């Protein structure tokens, strides 16, 4: 199993591979700069070679994650079996565009041998939080969203643990833009069930995403941060970095070294993350 955290500037796109299958998490592709967009598309082509894309998880529908242009390219090029998204989400122009695209793809493939499935996640309406029918090589454990999350910023985003089955598998906690108020509830409800080898830092490494109680329960070996170089939000936040470093052996951001993609995989005795130089320019 391995995770490629793509350097997409401000946004998120991760590719998780195991046993010849791949699951994509979010869909940001830089729209403005042709060089940046071409880099991400070439990266997808390279890392998805000889891998079957089982599904795409949209953690939420802010333009940094549920990017409509990126979603269109991924759904039409790689034709996943299913898309997963939160049942509750903030209604905005980006979410409307992505749902229009999903409906279009669903209609286009309805009568084919490869229809597009949909999984709208809602914690209070699932019989079990764990499910494995979406993949031969991955298991899924859901922690959010819940109907009570609808009012909070980032509260509606999917929080889900993706675990590779068998030899070489490990656990990866996907978090979207989930922030402190929701983490307080999630940590109280699920405790040590949150334990994961790798944490996708919530909200690009913002201070509000680094909840001490939740981090203590997750106890990650590695924290991966998707943040653009010199982004206007100051991500990753120094306080968040300090909180992660108190618990994790490695804390690594795509904003390092002038902008890099990250390859996380089992090494000799522990997980390792390799920095992959990329061609996305810094903002002017």
C-alpha atoms as a PDB file:
ATOM      1  CA  UNK A   1       0.000   0.000   0.000  1.00  0.00           C
ATOM      2  CA  UNK A   2       1.131   3.534  -0.644  1.00  0.00           C
ATOM      3  CA  UNK A   3      -0.224   7.080  -0.637  1.00  0.00           C
ATOM      4  CA  UNK A   4       0.679   9.782  -3.131  1.00  0.00           C
ATOM      5  CA  UNK A   5      -0.192  13.225  -1.753  1.00  0.00           C
ATOM      6  CA  UNK A   6      -0.144  15.393  -4.861  1.00  0.00           C
ATOM      7  CA  UNK A   7       1.223  18.907  -4.841  1.00  0.00           C
ATOM      8  CA  UNK A   8      -1.821  20.753  -6.173  1.00  0.00           C
ATOM      9  CA  UNK A   9      -1.126  24.149  -4.615  1.00  0.00           C
ATOM     10  CA  UNK A  10      -4.094  25.251  -2.523  1.00  0.00           C
ATOM     11  CA  UNK A  11      -6.240  22.133  -2.335  1.00  0.00           C
ATOM     12  CA  UNK A  12      -6.123  18.389  -1.900  1.00  0.00           C
ATOM     13  CA  UNK A  13      -5.697  15.298  -4.052  1.00  0.00           C
ATOM     14  CA  UNK A  14      -4.370  11.988  -2.755  1.00  0.00           C
ATOM     15  CA  UNK A  15      -4.055   8.656  -4.532  1.00  0.00           C
ATOM     16  CA  UNK A  16      -4.089   5.528  -2.352  1.00  0.00           C
ATOM     17  CA  UNK A  17      -2.899   2.339  -4.056  1.00  0.00           C
ATOM     18  CA  UNK A  18      -2.936  -1.279  -2.913  1.00  0.00           C
ATOM     19  CA  UNK A  19      -3.129  -4.625  -4.675  1.00  0.00           C
ATOM     20  CA  UNK A  20      -3.585  -3.078  -8.112  1.00  0.00           C
ATOM     21  CA  UNK A  21      -6.516  -0.938  -6.939  1.00  0.00           C
ATOM     22  CA  UNK A  22      -6.593   2.804  -6.334  1.00  0.00           C
ATOM     23  CA  UNK A  23      -8.886   5.103  -4.380  1.00  0.00           C
ATOM     24  CA  UNK A  24      -8.670   8.836  -5.005  1.00  0.00           C
ATOM     25  CA  UNK A  25      -9.338  11.286  -2.195  1.00  0.00           C
ATOM     26  CA  UNK A  26     -10.573  14.695  -3.387  1.00  0.00           C
ATOM     27  CA  UNK A  27     -10.024  16.046  -6.869  1.00  0.00           C
ATOM     28  CA  UNK A  28      -8.162  19.347  -6.942  1.00  0.00           C
ATOM     29  CA  UNK A  29      -6.367  20.096 -10.198  1.00  0.00           C
ATOM     30  CA  UNK A  30      -4.874  23.596 -10.542  1.00  0.00           C
ATOM     31  CA  UNK A  31      -7.022  25.480 -13.080  1.00  0.00           C
ATOM     32  CA  UNK A  32      -5.126  28.686 -13.749  1.00  0.00           C
ATOM     33  CA  UNK A  33      -1.584  27.716 -14.717  1.00  0.00           C
ATOM     34  CA  UNK A  34      -1.132  25.323 -17.640  1.00  0.00           C
ATOM     35  CA  UNK A  35       2.192  24.027 -16.282  1.00  0.00           C
ATOM     36  CA  UNK A  36       0.695  23.246 -12.880  1.00  0.00           C
ATOM     37  CA  UNK A  37      -2.356  21.516 -14.348  1.00  0.00           C
ATOM     38  CA  UNK A  38      -0.232  19.499 -16.753  1.00  0.00           C
ATOM     39  CA  UNK A  39       2.030  18.377 -13.896  1.00  0.00           C
ATOM     40  CA  UNK A  40      -0.877  17.015 -11.846  1.00  0.00           C
ATOM     41  CA  UNK A  41      -2.448  15.265 -14.845  1.00  0.00           C
ATOM     42  CA  UNK A  42       0.913  13.697 -15.747  1.00  0.00           C
ATOM     43  CA  UNK A  43       1.333  12.583 -12.131  1.00  0.00           C
ATOM     44  CA  UNK A  44      -2.083  10.906 -12.199  1.00  0.00           C
ATOM     45  CA  UNK A  45      -1.229   9.146 -15.456  1.00  0.00           C
ATOM     46  CA  UNK A  46       2.041   7.849 -14.030  1.00  0.00           C
ATOM     47  CA  UNK A  47       0.817   6.668 -10.619  1.00  0.00           C
ATOM     48  CA  UNK A  48      -2.419   5.130 -11.902  1.00  0.00           C
ATOM     49  CA  UNK A  49      -0.721   3.064 -14.595  1.00  0.00           C
ATOM     50  CA  UNK A  50      -1.622  -0.593 -14.012  1.00  0.00           C
ATOM     51  CA  UNK A  51      -4.044   0.365 -11.208  1.00  0.00           C
ATOM     52  CA  UNK A  52      -7.812   0.103 -11.368  1.00  0.00           C
ATOM     53  CA  UNK A  53      -9.571   3.161  -9.907  1.00  0.00           C
ATOM     54  CA  UNK A  54     -12.233   1.706  -7.641  1.00  0.00           C
ATOM     55  CA  UNK A  55     -13.610   4.977  -6.349  1.00  0.00           C
ATOM     56  CA  UNK A  56     -13.295   8.668  -5.581  1.00  0.00           C
ATOM     57  CA  UNK A  57     -13.943  10.100  -2.119  1.00  0.00           C
ATOM     58  CA  UNK A  58     -15.009  13.735  -1.977  1.00  0.00           C
ATOM     59  CA  UNK A  59     -14.415  14.729   1.641  1.00  0.00           C
ATOM     60  CA  UNK A  60     -16.428  17.902   1.042  1.00  0.00           C
ATOM     61  CA  UNK A  61     -17.347  20.397  -1.632  1.00  0.00           C
ATOM     62  CA  UNK A  62     -15.169  23.414  -1.053  1.00  0.00           C
ATOM     63  CA  UNK A  63     -13.299  24.276  -4.247  1.00  0.00           C
ATOM     64  CA  UNK A  64     -10.028  23.147  -2.658  1.00  0.00           C
ATOM     65  CA  UNK A  65     -11.288  19.552  -2.425  1.00  0.00           C
ATOM     66  CA  UNK A  66     -14.446  18.947  -4.479  1.00  0.00           C
ATOM     67  CA  UNK A  67     -13.093  20.820  -7.485  1.00  0.00           C
ATOM     68  CA  UNK A  68     -15.553  20.544 -10.385  1.00  0.00           C
ATOM     69  CA  UNK A  69     -12.961  20.705 -13.165  1.00  0.00           C
ATOM     70  CA  UNK A  70     -10.780  18.129 -11.451  1.00  0.00           C
ATOM     71  CA  UNK A  71     -13.765  15.908 -10.745  1.00  0.00           C
ATOM     72  CA  UNK A  72     -14.808  16.045 -14.401  1.00  0.00           C
ATOM     73  CA  UNK A  73     -11.369  15.016 -15.602  1.00  0.00           C
ATOM     74  CA  UNK A  74     -11.058  12.173 -13.088  1.00  0.00           C
ATOM     75  CA  UNK A  75     -14.562  10.741 -13.570  1.00  0.00           C
ATOM     76  CA  UNK A  76     -14.397  10.852 -17.355  1.00  0.00           C
ATOM     77  CA  UNK A  77     -10.811   9.646 -17.720  1.00  0.00           C
ATOM     78  CA  UNK A  78     -10.609   6.959 -15.038  1.00  0.00           C
ATOM     79  CA  UNK A  79     -14.293   5.910 -14.806  1.00  0.00           C
ATOM     80  CA  UNK A  80     -14.331   4.773 -11.167  1.00  0.00           C
ATOM     81  CA  UNK A  81     -16.872   2.237  -9.919  1.00  0.00           C
ATOM     82  CA  UNK A  82     -18.251   4.674  -7.336  1.00  0.00           C
ATOM     83  CA  UNK A  83     -18.121   8.123  -5.825  1.00  0.00           C
ATOM     84  CA  UNK A  84     -18.424   8.775  -2.089  1.00  0.00           C
ATOM     85  CA  UNK A  85     -19.427  12.088  -0.550  1.00  0.00           C
ATOM     86  CA  UNK A  86     -20.992  13.452   2.647  1.00  0.00           C
ATOM     87  CA  UNK A  87     -24.773  13.346   2.814  1.00  0.00           C
ATOM     88  CA  UNK A  88     -24.653  16.814   4.387  1.00  0.00           C
ATOM     89  CA  UNK A  89     -22.603  19.529   2.767  1.00  0.00           C
ATOM     90  CA  UNK A  90     -22.476  23.264   2.290  1.00  0.00           C
ATOM     91  CA  UNK A  91     -24.593  24.286  -0.683  1.00  0.00           C
ATOM     92  CA  UNK A  92     -22.385  26.368  -2.941  1.00  0.00           C
ATOM     93  CA  UNK A  93     -21.608  26.801  -6.620  1.00  0.00           C
ATOM     94  CA  UNK A  94     -18.869  24.180  -6.510  1.00  0.00           C
ATOM     95  CA  UNK A  95     -21.060  21.502  -4.905  1.00  0.00           C
ATOM     96  CA  UNK A  96     -23.833  22.148  -7.438  1.00  0.00           C
ATOM     97  CA  UNK A  97     -21.386  21.760 -10.324  1.00  0.00           C
ATOM     98  CA  UNK A  98     -19.923  18.536  -8.929  1.00  0.00           C
ATOM     99  CA  UNK A  99     -23.371  17.009  -8.349  1.00  0.00           C
ATOM    100  CA  UNK A 100     -24.482  17.985 -11.839  1.00  0.00           C
ATOM    101  CA  UNK A 101     -21.390  16.220 -13.158  1.00  0.00           C
ATOM    102  CA  UNK A 102     -22.031  13.102 -11.057  1.00  0.00           C
ATOM    103  CA  UNK A 103     -25.640  12.945 -12.294  1.00  0.00           C
ATOM    104  CA  UNK A 104     -24.485  13.356 -15.880  1.00  0.00           C
ATOM    105  CA  UNK A 105     -21.968  10.520 -15.515  1.00  0.00           C
ATOM    106  CA  UNK A 106     -24.552   8.364 -13.760  1.00  0.00           C
ATOM    107  CA  UNK A 107     -27.008   8.838 -16.640  1.00  0.00           C
ATOM    108  CA  UNK A 108     -24.353   8.226 -19.286  1.00  0.00           C
ATOM    109  CA  UNK A 109     -23.275   4.927 -17.704  1.00  0.00           C
ATOM    110  CA  UNK A 110     -26.647   3.672 -16.454  1.00  0.00           C
ATOM    111  CA  UNK A 111     -27.238   1.201 -19.280  1.00  0.00           C
ATOM    112  CA  UNK A 112     -23.589   0.208 -19.599  1.00  0.00           C
ATOM    113  CA  UNK A 113     -21.739  -2.755 -18.124  1.00  0.00           C
ATOM    114  CA  UNK A 114     -19.963  -0.302 -15.821  1.00  0.00           C
ATOM    115  CA  UNK A 115     -22.546   1.937 -14.085  1.00  0.00           C
ATOM    116  CA  UNK A 116     -21.449   4.615 -11.639  1.00  0.00           C
ATOM    117  CA  UNK A 117     -22.394   3.899  -8.030  1.00  0.00           C
ATOM    118  CA  UNK A 118     -22.977   6.562  -5.365  1.00  0.00           C
ATOM    119  CA  UNK A 119     -22.347   6.365  -1.636  1.00  0.00           C
ATOM    120  CA  UNK A 120     -23.757   9.302   0.333  1.00  0.00           C
ATOM    121  CA  UNK A 121     -22.229   9.037   3.794  1.00  0.00           C
ATOM    122  CA  UNK A 122     -24.310   9.776   6.894  1.00  0.00           C
ATOM    123  CA  UNK A 123     -23.109   8.318  10.176  1.00  0.00           C
ATOM    124  CA  UNK A 124     -26.515   8.162  11.842  1.00  0.00           C
ATOM    125  CA  UNK A 125     -28.013   6.135   8.973  1.00  0.00           C
ATOM    126  CA  UNK A 126     -25.511   3.308   8.560  1.00  0.00           C
ATOM    127  CA  UNK A 127     -26.028  -0.068  10.183  1.00  0.00           C
ATOM    128  CA  UNK A 128     -22.278  -0.454  10.667  1.00  0.00           C
ATOM    129  CA  UNK A 129     -19.470   2.069  10.542  1.00  0.00           C
ATOM    130  CA  UNK A 130     -17.148  -0.420   8.861  1.00  0.00           C
ATOM    131  CA  UNK A 131     -17.700  -1.727   5.369  1.00  0.00           C
ATOM    132  CA  UNK A 132     -15.579  -3.468   2.770  1.00  0.00           C
ATOM    133  CA  UNK A 133     -17.842  -4.081  -0.211  1.00  0.00           C
ATOM    134  CA  UNK A 134     -16.481  -1.113  -2.154  1.00  0.00           C
ATOM    135  CA  UNK A 135     -13.096  -2.712  -2.764  1.00  0.00           C
ATOM    136  CA  UNK A 136     -11.246  -6.016  -2.768  1.00  0.00           C
ATOM    137  CA  UNK A 137      -8.169  -4.549  -1.102  1.00  0.00           C
ATOM    138  CA  UNK A 138      -9.391  -1.763   1.189  1.00  0.00           C
ATOM    139  CA  UNK A 139     -11.610  -1.511   4.247  1.00  0.00           C
ATOM    140  CA  UNK A 140     -13.471   1.643   5.260  1.00  0.00           C
ATOM    141  CA  UNK A 141     -14.413   2.915   8.729  1.00  0.00           C
ATOM    142  CA  UNK A 142     -16.632   6.000   8.995  1.00  0.00           C
ATOM    143  CA  UNK A 143     -16.507   8.626  11.783  1.00  0.00           C
ATOM    144  CA  UNK A 144     -18.328  11.603  10.246  1.00  0.00           C
ATOM    145  CA  UNK A 145     -20.609  13.275   9.063  1.00  0.00           C
ATOM    146  CA  UNK A 146     -23.700  13.194  11.272  1.00  0.00           C
ATOM    147  CA  UNK A 147     -26.891  15.242  10.964  1.00  0.00           C
ATOM    148  CA  UNK A 148     -25.775  17.298  13.982  1.00  0.00           C
ATOM    149  CA  UNK A 149     -22.697  18.442  12.046  1.00  0.00           C
ATOM    150  CA  UNK A 150     -24.590  20.536   9.519  1.00  0.00           C
ATOM    151  CA  UNK A 151     -24.010  23.907  11.141  1.00  0.00           C
ATOM    152  CA  UNK A 152     -20.269  23.823  11.813  1.00  0.00           C
ATOM    153  CA  UNK A 153     -17.477  24.945   9.506  1.00  0.00           C
ATOM    154  CA  UNK A 154     -15.977  21.776   8.057  1.00  0.00           C
ATOM    155  CA  UNK A 155     -18.344  19.779  10.266  1.00  0.00           C
ATOM    156  CA  UNK A 156     -20.024  18.055   7.340  1.00  0.00           C
ATOM    157  CA  UNK A 157     -16.837  16.693   5.822  1.00  0.00           C
ATOM    158  CA  UNK A 158     -16.117  12.989   5.690  1.00  0.00           C
ATOM    159  CA  UNK A 159     -13.792  11.581   8.342  1.00  0.00           C
ATOM    160  CA  UNK A 160     -12.921   8.028   7.349  1.00  0.00           C
ATOM    161  CA  UNK A 161     -10.174   5.501   7.985  1.00  0.00           C
ATOM    162  CA  UNK A 162      -8.986   3.711   4.844  1.00  0.00           C
ATOM    163  CA  UNK A 163      -7.031   0.528   5.607  1.00  0.00           C
ATOM    164  CA  UNK A 164      -5.210  -1.721   3.179  1.00  0.00           C
ATOM    165  CA  UNK A 165      -5.907  -5.416   3.684  1.00  0.00           C
ATOM    166  CA  UNK A 166      -3.160  -7.953   4.083  1.00  0.00           C
ATOM    167  CA  UNK A 167       0.570  -7.687   3.551  1.00  0.00           C
ATOM    168  CA  UNK A 168       1.843  -4.137   3.184  1.00  0.00           C
ATOM    169  CA  UNK A 169      -1.413  -2.549   4.256  1.00  0.00           C
ATOM    170  CA  UNK A 170      -1.678   0.225   6.817  1.00  0.00           C
ATOM    171  CA  UNK A 171      -4.291   2.728   7.995  1.00  0.00           C
ATOM    172  CA  UNK A 172      -4.861   6.237   6.638  1.00  0.00           C
ATOM    173  CA  UNK A 173      -7.230   8.675   8.350  1.00  0.00           C
ATOM    174  CA  UNK A 174      -8.928  11.009   5.864  1.00  0.00           C
ATOM    175  CA  UNK A 175     -10.193  14.209   7.496  1.00  0.00           C
ATOM    176  CA  UNK A 176     -11.244  16.882   4.986  1.00  0.00           C
ATOM    177  CA  UNK A 177     -11.654  20.301   6.629  1.00  0.00           C
ATOM    178  CA  UNK A 178     -12.877  18.969   9.977  1.00  0.00           C
ATOM    179  CA  UNK A 179     -12.105  21.450  12.768  1.00  0.00           C
ATOM    180  CA  UNK A 180     -11.945  21.557  16.565  1.00  0.00           C
ATOM    181  CA  UNK A 181     -15.647  21.652  17.473  1.00  0.00           C
ATOM    182  CA  UNK A 182     -16.349  18.495  15.494  1.00  0.00           C
ATOM    183  CA  UNK A 183     -13.123  16.804  16.630  1.00  0.00           C
ATOM    184  CA  UNK A 184     -14.250  17.271  20.214  1.00  0.00           C
ATOM    185  CA  UNK A 185     -17.351  15.187  19.480  1.00  0.00           C
ATOM    186  CA  UNK A 186     -15.604  12.600  17.287  1.00  0.00           C
ATOM    187  CA  UNK A 187     -12.870  12.043  19.868  1.00  0.00           C
ATOM    188  CA  UNK A 188     -15.431  11.636  22.642  1.00  0.00           C
ATOM    189  CA  UNK A 189     -17.521   9.177  20.648  1.00  0.00           C
ATOM    190  CA  UNK A 190     -14.858   6.977  19.112  1.00  0.00           C
ATOM    191  CA  UNK A 191     -11.721   7.301  21.249  1.00  0.00           C
ATOM    192  CA  UNK A 192      -9.010   4.793  20.389  1.00  0.00           C
ATOM    193  CA  UNK A 193     -10.938   3.587  17.293  1.00  0.00           C
ATOM    194  CA  UNK A 194      -9.442   6.663  15.595  1.00  0.00           C
ATOM    195  CA  UNK A 195      -5.934   5.163  15.830  1.00  0.00           C
ATOM    196  CA  UNK A 196      -4.238   5.384  12.441  1.00  0.00           C
ATOM    197  CA  UNK A 197      -0.748   4.999  11.042  1.00  0.00           C
ATOM    198  CA  UNK A 198      -1.058   8.030   8.762  1.00  0.00           C
ATOM    199  CA  UNK A 199      -3.094  11.196   9.276  1.00  0.00           C
ATOM    200  CA  UNK A 200      -4.109  13.560   6.488  1.00  0.00           C
ATOM    201  CA  UNK A 201      -3.843  16.840   8.406  1.00  0.00           C
ATOM    202  CA  UNK A 202      -7.280  18.495   8.573  1.00  0.00           C
ATOM    203  CA  UNK A 203      -7.837  21.709   6.623  1.00  0.00           C
ATOM    204  CA  UNK A 204      -4.334  21.919   5.122  1.00  0.00           C
ATOM    205  CA  UNK A 205      -2.627  22.086   8.509  1.00  0.00           C
ATOM    206  CA  UNK A 206      -4.750  24.840  10.032  1.00  0.00           C
ATOM    207  CA  UNK A 207      -4.554  25.475  13.789  1.00  0.00           C
ATOM    208  CA  UNK A 208      -8.273  24.736  14.180  1.00  0.00           C
ATOM    209  CA  UNK A 209      -7.835  21.252  12.764  1.00  0.00           C
ATOM    210  CA  UNK A 210      -5.181  20.145  15.269  1.00  0.00           C
ATOM    211  CA  UNK A 211      -7.359  19.109  18.202  1.00  0.00           C
ATOM    212  CA  UNK A 212      -5.140  17.763  21.052  1.00  0.00           C
ATOM    213  CA  UNK A 213      -7.610  15.155  22.286  1.00  0.00           C
ATOM    214  CA  UNK A 214      -8.261  13.748  18.832  1.00  0.00           C
ATOM    215  CA  UNK A 215      -4.554  13.717  18.003  1.00  0.00           C
ATOM    216  CA  UNK A 216      -3.817  11.755  21.160  1.00  0.00           C
ATOM    217  CA  UNK A 217      -6.402   9.154  20.077  1.00  0.00           C
ATOM    218  CA  UNK A 218      -5.145   9.011  16.480  1.00  0.00           C
ATOM    219  CA  UNK A 219      -1.487   8.779  17.596  1.00  0.00           C
ATOM    220  CA  UNK A 220      -0.196   8.878  14.000  1.00  0.00           C
ATOM    221  CA  UNK A 221       3.238   7.726  12.910  1.00  0.00           C
ATOM    222  CA  UNK A 222       3.155  10.146   9.957  1.00  0.00           C
ATOM    223  CA  UNK A 223       1.203  13.357   9.330  1.00  0.00           C
ATOM    224  CA  UNK A 224       0.781  14.447   5.695  1.00  0.00           C
ATOM    225  CA  UNK A 225      -0.167  18.064   4.977  1.00  0.00           C
ATOM    226  CA  UNK A 226      -1.504  19.315   1.645  1.00  0.00           C
ATOM    227  CA  UNK A 227      -0.679  23.034   1.537  1.00  0.00           C
ATOM    228  CA  UNK A 228       0.381  25.328  -1.269  1.00  0.00           C
ATOM    229  CA  UNK A 229       3.750  27.072  -1.216  1.00  0.00           C
ATOM    230  CA  UNK A 230       3.379  30.610   0.207  1.00  0.00           C
ATOM    231  CA  UNK A 231      -0.385  30.185   0.409  1.00  0.00           C
ATOM    232  CA  UNK A 232      -2.316  33.222   1.711  1.00  0.00           C
ATOM    233  CA  UNK A 233      -3.677  31.324   4.748  1.00  0.00           C
ATOM    234  CA  UNK A 234      -0.334  30.634   6.399  1.00  0.00           C
ATOM    235  CA  UNK A 235      -0.820  26.863   6.220  1.00  0.00           C
ATOM    236  CA  UNK A 236       0.564  24.819   7.786  1.00  0.00           C
ATOM    237  CA  UNK A 237       0.134  26.808  10.990  1.00  0.00           C
ATOM    238  CA  UNK A 238       3.142  26.757  13.374  1.00  0.00           C
ATOM    239  CA  UNK A 239       0.929  25.767  16.312  1.00  0.00           C
ATOM    240  CA  UNK A 240      -0.517  22.876  14.336  1.00  0.00           C
ATOM    241  CA  UNK A 241       2.962  21.738  13.318  1.00  0.00           C
ATOM    242  CA  UNK A 242       4.051  21.782  16.955  1.00  0.00           C
ATOM    243  CA  UNK A 243       1.008  19.738  17.980  1.00  0.00           C
ATOM    244  CA  UNK A 244       1.667  17.151  15.268  1.00  0.00           C
ATOM    245  CA  UNK A 245       5.370  16.903  16.091  1.00  0.00           C
ATOM    246  CA  UNK A 246       4.636  16.134  19.720  1.00  0.00           C
ATOM    247  CA  UNK A 247       2.964  12.879  18.655  1.00  0.00           C
ATOM    248  CA  UNK A 248       4.073  11.887  15.153  1.00  0.00           C
ATOM    249  CA  UNK A 249       7.479  10.638  14.084  1.00  0.00           C
ATOM    250  CA  UNK A 250       7.221  12.453  10.757  1.00  0.00           C
ATOM    251  CA  UNK A 251       5.313  15.607   9.789  1.00  0.00           C
ATOM    252  CA  UNK A 252       5.626  16.388   6.086  1.00  0.00           C
ATOM    253  CA  UNK A 253       3.977  19.041   3.892  1.00  0.00           C
ATOM    254  CA  UNK A 254       3.655  19.479   0.144  1.00  0.00           C
ATOM    255  CA  UNK A 255       4.807  23.081   0.729  1.00  0.00           C
ATOM    256  CA  UNK A 256       8.316  21.905   1.654  1.00  0.00           C
ATOM    257  CA  UNK A 257      11.332  22.350  -0.612  1.00  0.00           C
ATOM    258  CA  UNK A 258       9.553  24.741  -2.948  1.00  0.00           C
ATOM    259  CA  UNK A 259       6.624  22.379  -3.488  1.00  0.00           C
ATOM    260  CA  UNK A 260       6.693  18.582  -3.576  1.00  0.00           C
ATOM    261  CA  UNK A 261       4.405  15.601  -3.913  1.00  0.00           C
ATOM    262  CA  UNK A 262       4.734  12.922  -1.243  1.00  0.00           C
ATOM    263  CA  UNK A 263       5.032   9.144  -1.580  1.00  0.00           C
ATOM    264  CA  UNK A 264       4.284   7.305   1.681  1.00  0.00           C
ATOM    265  CA  UNK A 265       4.845   3.556   1.823  1.00  0.00           C
ATOM    266  CA  UNK A 266       6.183   0.747   4.031  1.00  0.00           C
ATOM    267  CA  UNK A 267       9.953   0.840   4.415  1.00  0.00           C
ATOM    268  CA  UNK A 268      12.416  -1.267   6.351  1.00  0.00           C
ATOM    269  CA  UNK A 269      10.767  -1.422   9.746  1.00  0.00           C
ATOM    270  CA  UNK A 270       8.534   1.654   9.449  1.00  0.00           C
ATOM    271  CA  UNK A 271       6.619   3.847   7.029  1.00  0.00           C
ATOM    272  CA  UNK A 272       8.711   6.182   4.914  1.00  0.00           C
ATOM    273  CA  UNK A 273       7.773   9.283   2.937  1.00  0.00           C
ATOM    274  CA  UNK A 274       9.737  10.350  -0.131  1.00  0.00           C
ATOM    275  CA  UNK A 275       9.629  13.927  -1.458  1.00  0.00           C
ATOM    276  CA  UNK A 276       8.905  14.046  -5.187  1.00  0.00           C
ATOM    277  CA  UNK A 277      10.020  17.327  -6.823  1.00  0.00           C
ATOM    278  CA  UNK A 278       7.236  18.928  -8.811  1.00  0.00           C
ATOM    279  CA  UNK A 279       6.724  21.670 -11.339  1.00  0.00           C
ATOM    280  CA  UNK A 280       3.995  23.754  -9.705  1.00  0.00           C
ATOM    281  CA  UNK A 281       5.298  27.334  -9.458  1.00  0.00           C
ATOM    282  CA  UNK A 282       4.939  29.429  -6.298  1.00  0.00           C
ATOM    283  CA  UNK A 283       2.252  32.148  -6.391  1.00  0.00           C
ATOM    284  CA  UNK A 284       3.556  35.491  -7.628  1.00  0.00           C
END
